[in-house]
Amino acid sequence: MISAVSPDFPLSSEEDKAAHLTASSDTQSIDTATGEAAPAELSSERVREIFSSIAPKYERFNAISSFGAYRAWLHTMMQLADIEETDDVLDIAGGTGDVAFHVARAKHPRHIQCTDLVPAMLEVARAHRQEGAGAGVAMDFSVADGQALPFADESYDALTMAYGIRNMPKRELALAEMYRVLKPGGSFTCLEFSTPPSGLWRQLYHFYLRHLIPFWGGLIAGDREGFVYLSQSIKAFPNQEEFAAMLTKAGFVDVTWRNCTGGIAAIHCAHKPLAPATESEE
């Protein structure tokens, strides 16, 4: 099922710039494990440490801990992603390249820029690329913070992200940055862990997060405490409606989401509004 949020009226170009400047300067920083206010460095350094240590075993953990479901989620993400063969795509928090390689195989865009905060994760992605992943699509890799993207305004036709926004302590700033680098009319597709609507399913899921995710993390990656953080950050992340509202507030339109596996994860889709017509075009 796809759910949608009714956006407010699109901002004018001047209002748009002012709103995103305000987001950049006034955004709140949180502890991503709790959702409470905290210095951004607390979460950013924790994410660097955890993912640097587990990078070589991250993909194995995903496959085993999700019982393979994350592959189906990525397949659905590709079905929903509005990406054309002529597009330049930016993959944010791209990790070991899973999303970028899926985009390459499913959409064959002109170019993919795969970014991540953690160099060790990108090293795994580069190794996969050298082994033949990527379906022949032009692809580059670079270390970048999604909250301070090193790209010019309106540089990309499409943005993708999986399991990234949850780890960013300044989420409003991250969304403002994504909006900034996206071309008018461009698409944003985001896969993230979410909240099952069913109370019973939610209780079972939270039990799994609390007890089994740290167990799998300790067994597979040798880092039980790092995966305690993972389970905490999932529970603290906004639910589907709340994150959709954040996208709308950031200026995106056509905001929808589709639940996966009963809402354990959700795929959020949105677009940047088309530029308003000039007087000469009217």
Protein backbone atom coordinates (compact mmCIF):
# COMPACT_ATOMS: atom_id res chain seq x y z
CA MET A 1 0.00 0.00 0.00
CA ILE A 2 1.24 3.49 -0.85
CA SER A 3 0.33 6.31 1.51
CA ALA A 4 0.66 9.97 0.72
CA VAL A 5 1.01 13.31 2.49
CA SER A 6 -0.78 16.33 1.09
CA PRO A 7 1.89 19.03 0.69
CA ASP A 8 1.45 22.71 1.43
CA PHE A 9 1.63 25.14 -1.47
CA PRO A 10 5.10 24.99 -3.11
CA LEU A 11 7.46 27.74 -2.00
CA SER A 12 8.44 30.48 -4.41
CA SER A 13 12.09 30.54 -5.41
CA GLU A 14 12.94 33.31 -2.93
CA GLU A 15 10.92 31.70 -0.14
CA ASP A 16 12.59 28.40 -0.99
CA LYS A 17 16.09 29.85 -0.58
CA ALA A 18 15.17 31.59 2.67
CA ALA A 19 13.60 28.44 4.12
CA HIS A 20 16.64 26.34 3.38
CA LEU A 21 19.03 28.94 4.76
CA THR A 22 16.97 28.92 7.94
CA ALA A 23 17.08 25.11 8.07
CA SER A 24 20.86 25.21 7.72
CA SER A 25 21.34 27.63 10.59
CA ASP A 26 18.59 26.65 13.05
CA THR A 27 18.35 22.87 12.71
CA GLN A 28 18.29 20.83 15.90
CA SER A 29 20.96 18.25 16.63
CA ILE A 30 19.93 15.00 18.33
CA ASP A 31 21.36 11.80 19.72
CA THR A 32 20.25 9.35 17.04
CA ALA A 33 20.02 6.54 19.62
CA THR A 34 17.40 8.37 21.70
CA GLY A 35 15.99 11.24 19.66
CA GLU A 36 16.93 13.65 22.46
CA ALA A 37 18.86 16.89 21.90
CA ALA A 38 22.63 16.34 21.91
CA PRO A 39 25.79 17.60 20.16
CA ALA A 40 26.04 16.32 16.58
CA GLU A 41 29.58 15.00 17.20
CA LEU A 42 28.21 12.41 19.64
CA SER A 43 26.26 10.55 16.96
CA SER A 44 28.59 11.24 14.04
CA GLU A 45 31.67 9.86 15.81
CA ARG A 46 29.73 6.83 17.07
CA VAL A 47 28.56 6.06 13.51
CA ARG A 48 32.12 6.36 12.17
CA GLU A 49 33.48 4.04 14.83
CA ILE A 50 30.76 1.39 14.50
CA PHE A 51 30.67 1.20 10.73
CA SER A 52 34.45 1.39 10.36
CA SER A 53 34.74 -1.72 12.53
CA ILE A 54 31.96 -3.75 10.90
CA ALA A 55 32.41 -2.73 7.25
CA PRO A 56 33.84 -6.07 6.01
CA LYS A 57 30.97 -8.02 7.60
CA TYR A 58 28.13 -5.52 7.16
CA GLU A 59 26.57 -7.20 4.12
CA ARG A 60 26.62 -10.62 5.74
CA PHE A 61 24.90 -9.19 8.80
CA ASN A 62 22.17 -7.62 6.66
CA ALA A 63 21.51 -10.85 4.82
CA ILE A 64 21.31 -13.04 7.92
CA SER A 65 19.59 -10.68 10.35
CA SER A 66 16.82 -9.78 7.88
CA PHE A 67 16.47 -13.40 6.66
CA GLY A 68 17.09 -12.06 3.18
CA ALA A 69 14.19 -9.61 3.28
CA TYR A 70 16.40 -6.58 2.63
CA ARG A 71 16.97 -7.83 -0.93
CA ALA A 72 13.22 -7.75 -1.56
CA TRP A 73 13.09 -4.26 -0.06
CA LEU A 74 15.80 -3.05 -2.45
CA HIS A 75 13.93 -4.62 -5.37
CA THR A 76 10.77 -2.72 -4.40
CA MET A 77 12.83 0.44 -3.97
CA MET A 78 14.02 0.14 -7.56
CA GLN A 79 10.44 -0.35 -8.77
CA LEU A 80 9.39 2.88 -7.05
CA ALA A 81 12.46 4.99 -7.85
CA ASP A 82 11.84 7.62 -10.53
CA ILE A 83 15.20 7.34 -12.32
CA GLU A 84 15.83 7.61 -16.06
CA GLU A 85 18.75 6.42 -18.19
CA THR A 86 19.83 10.03 -18.77
CA ASP A 87 19.96 10.85 -15.05
CA ASP A 88 22.89 11.70 -12.82
CA VAL A 89 22.24 9.93 -9.52
CA LEU A 90 23.59 10.73 -6.06
CA ASP A 91 23.51 7.87 -3.55
CA ILE A 92 23.86 9.25 -0.01
CA ALA A 93 25.09 7.08 2.88
CA GLY A 94 25.81 4.53 0.17
CA GLY A 95 27.84 2.25 2.43
CA THR A 96 29.11 -0.85 0.64
CA GLY A 97 27.31 0.13 -2.57
CA ASP A 98 24.19 -2.03 -2.36
CA VAL A 99 21.79 0.70 -3.48
CA ALA A 100 24.15 2.13 -6.10
CA PHE A 101 24.68 -1.28 -7.70
CA HIS A 102 20.94 -2.01 -7.65
CA VAL A 103 20.30 1.35 -9.36
CA ALA A 104 22.96 0.53 -11.96
CA ARG A 105 21.41 -2.83 -12.80
CA ALA A 106 17.76 -1.76 -12.68
CA LYS A 107 17.89 1.77 -14.11
CA HIS A 108 21.17 2.14 -16.08
CA PRO A 109 21.54 5.88 -15.38
CA ARG A 110 24.20 8.07 -16.99
CA HIS A 111 26.31 8.29 -13.81
CA ILE A 112 26.13 7.36 -10.11
CA GLN A 113 28.01 9.17 -7.35
CA CYS A 114 28.13 6.87 -4.33
CA THR A 115 28.97 8.66 -1.08
CA ASP A 116 29.33 7.70 2.56
CA LEU A 117 30.61 9.20 5.80
CA VAL A 118 32.79 6.15 6.52
CA PRO A 119 35.78 5.46 4.22
CA ALA A 120 35.95 1.77 5.21
CA MET A 121 32.43 1.20 3.87
CA LEU A 122 33.35 2.77 0.54
CA GLU A 123 36.45 0.59 0.33
CA VAL A 124 34.15 -2.44 0.26
CA ALA A 125 32.02 -0.76 -2.42
CA ARG A 126 35.09 -0.02 -4.56
CA ALA A 127 36.19 -3.64 -4.26
CA HIS A 128 32.78 -4.80 -5.50
CA ARG A 129 33.07 -2.38 -8.41
CA GLN A 130 36.47 -3.77 -9.34
CA GLU A 131 34.97 -7.28 -9.21
CA GLY A 132 32.43 -6.28 -11.87
CA ALA A 133 29.46 -4.89 -9.95
CA GLY A 134 27.79 -1.87 -11.48
CA ALA A 135 26.49 -3.20 -14.81
CA GLY A 136 28.91 -1.01 -16.75
CA VAL A 137 27.39 2.23 -15.45
CA ALA A 138 29.84 5.10 -14.83
CA MET A 139 30.31 5.33 -11.08
CA ASP A 140 32.46 7.26 -8.61
CA PHE A 141 32.91 6.98 -4.85
CA SER A 142 33.59 9.77 -2.37
CA VAL A 143 33.53 10.39 1.36
CA ALA A 144 30.79 12.91 2.14
CA ASP A 145 28.58 13.90 5.04
CA GLY A 146 24.92 13.98 4.04
CA GLN A 147 24.47 17.00 6.29
CA ALA A 148 27.08 19.03 4.34
CA LEU A 149 27.13 17.73 0.78
CA PRO A 150 30.15 18.94 -1.26
CA PHE A 151 28.14 19.39 -4.45
CA ALA A 152 26.76 22.41 -6.28
CA ASP A 153 23.11 23.42 -6.18
CA GLU A 154 20.83 21.47 -8.54
CA SER A 155 23.54 18.99 -9.54
CA TYR A 156 21.58 15.73 -9.59
CA ASP A 157 18.47 14.37 -11.27
CA ALA A 158 17.82 11.73 -8.61
CA LEU A 159 18.85 11.00 -5.03
CA THR A 160 18.78 7.62 -3.30
CA MET A 161 19.49 6.61 0.29
CA ALA A 162 19.03 3.50 2.41
CA TYR A 163 19.47 3.29 6.19
CA GLY A 164 21.20 6.68 6.22
CA ILE A 165 18.96 9.46 7.46
CA ARG A 166 18.39 7.60 10.74
CA ASN A 167 22.09 7.96 11.58
CA MET A 168 22.23 11.70 10.92
CA PRO A 169 21.92 13.92 14.02
CA LYS A 170 20.88 17.01 12.02
CA ARG A 171 18.11 15.53 9.93
CA GLU A 172 16.45 18.79 8.91
CA LEU A 173 19.82 20.05 7.68
CA ALA A 174 20.41 16.78 5.79
CA LEU A 175 17.04 17.07 4.04
CA ALA A 176 17.76 20.72 3.21
CA GLU A 177 21.09 19.67 1.68
CA MET A 178 19.44 16.94 -0.36
CA TYR A 179 16.82 19.38 -1.58
CA ARG A 180 19.56 21.88 -2.49
CA VAL A 181 21.59 19.54 -4.71
CA LEU A 182 18.54 18.04 -6.43
CA LYS A 183 17.40 19.54 -9.73
CA PRO A 184 13.83 20.88 -9.98
CA GLY A 185 11.57 17.96 -10.76
CA GLY A 186 14.19 15.51 -9.48
CA SER A 187 13.30 12.48 -7.39
CA PHE A 188 14.26 11.33 -3.90
CA THR A 189 13.87 7.68 -2.88
CA CYS A 190 14.68 6.62 0.68
CA LEU A 191 14.56 3.16 2.28
CA GLU A 192 14.61 3.25 6.07
CA PHE A 193 13.59 1.14 9.03
CA SER A 194 10.23 2.23 10.34
CA THR A 195 7.31 1.43 12.65
CA PRO A 196 4.87 -1.47 12.02
CA PRO A 197 1.28 -0.13 12.27
CA SER A 198 0.06 -3.37 13.88
CA GLY A 199 0.51 -3.29 17.66
CA LEU A 200 1.22 -7.01 17.88
CA TRP A 201 3.70 -6.98 15.00
CA ARG A 202 5.34 -3.89 16.50
CA GLN A 203 5.81 -5.65 19.86
CA LEU A 204 7.36 -8.68 18.19
CA TYR A 205 9.61 -6.45 16.11
CA HIS A 206 10.78 -4.47 19.13
CA PHE A 207 11.57 -7.74 20.94
CA TYR A 208 13.65 -8.77 17.92
CA LEU A 209 15.43 -5.40 17.91
CA ARG A 210 16.24 -5.51 21.61
CA HIS A 211 17.41 -9.10 21.88
CA LEU A 212 18.24 -10.65 18.52
CA ILE A 213 19.85 -7.77 16.59
CA PRO A 214 22.62 -7.40 19.23
CA PHE A 215 22.97 -11.20 19.26
CA TRP A 216 23.45 -11.35 15.48
CA GLY A 217 25.80 -8.36 15.65
CA GLY A 218 27.98 -10.06 18.23
CA LEU A 219 27.96 -13.38 16.42
CA ILE A 220 28.58 -12.11 12.88
CA ALA A 221 30.47 -8.85 13.31
CA GLY A 222 31.91 -9.29 16.81
CA ASP A 223 30.33 -6.01 17.93
CA ARG A 224 27.30 -6.57 20.15
CA GLU A 225 27.35 -3.01 21.55
CA GLY A 226 27.41 -1.46 18.09
CA PHE A 227 24.23 -3.31 17.25
CA VAL A 228 22.61 -2.28 20.52
CA TYR A 229 22.93 1.21 19.05
CA LEU A 230 21.38 0.00 15.80
CA SER A 231 18.29 -1.30 17.58
CA GLN A 232 18.00 1.87 19.68
CA SER A 233 18.28 4.15 16.66
CA ILE A 234 15.53 2.24 14.82
CA LYS A 235 13.13 2.57 17.74
CA ALA A 236 13.95 6.29 18.12
CA PHE A 237 13.43 7.13 14.43
CA PRO A 238 10.19 8.92 13.41
CA ASN A 239 7.40 6.73 12.09
CA GLN A 240 6.20 6.80 8.49
CA GLU A 241 3.84 9.76 8.84
CA GLU A 242 6.32 11.78 10.89
CA PHE A 243 9.18 11.31 8.43
CA ALA A 244 6.87 12.07 5.50
CA ALA A 245 5.92 15.30 7.26
CA MET A 246 9.62 16.15 7.59
CA LEU A 247 10.04 15.70 3.83
CA THR A 248 7.09 17.97 3.15
CA LYS A 249 8.41 20.59 5.56
CA ALA A 250 11.76 20.46 3.74
CA GLY A 251 9.96 21.49 0.53
CA PHE A 252 9.46 18.16 -1.21
CA VAL A 253 6.20 17.36 -2.99
CA ASP A 254 4.46 14.15 -4.11
CA VAL A 255 5.52 12.62 -0.80
CA THR A 256 4.46 8.98 -0.48
CA TRP A 257 5.62 5.84 1.28
CA ARG A 258 5.21 2.11 0.92
CA ASN A 259 5.55 -0.26 3.87
CA CYS A 260 7.72 -3.37 3.57
CA THR A 261 7.25 -6.52 5.67
CA GLY A 262 4.40 -5.04 7.64
CA GLY A 263 6.11 -1.70 8.23
CA ILE A 264 9.46 -2.99 9.52
CA ALA A 265 10.87 -0.80 6.76
CA ALA A 266 9.33 1.86 4.54
CA ILE A 267 10.28 3.32 1.17
CA HIS A 268 9.66 7.07 1.00
CA CYS A 269 9.41 8.75 -2.39
CA ALA A 270 9.27 12.47 -3.14
CA HIS A 271 10.16 15.09 -5.74
CA LYS A 272 11.58 18.58 -5.73
CA PRO A 273 9.00 20.94 -7.25
CA LEU A 274 9.53 22.08 -10.80
CA ALA A 275 10.88 25.62 -11.11
CA PRO A 276 8.05 28.15 -11.49
CA ALA A 277 7.51 29.38 -15.02
CA THR A 278 9.05 32.74 -15.93
CA GLU A 279 6.94 35.54 -17.42
CA SER A 280 8.38 34.86 -20.88
CA GLU A 281 7.27 31.21 -20.63
CA GLU A 282 3.72 32.01 -19.52
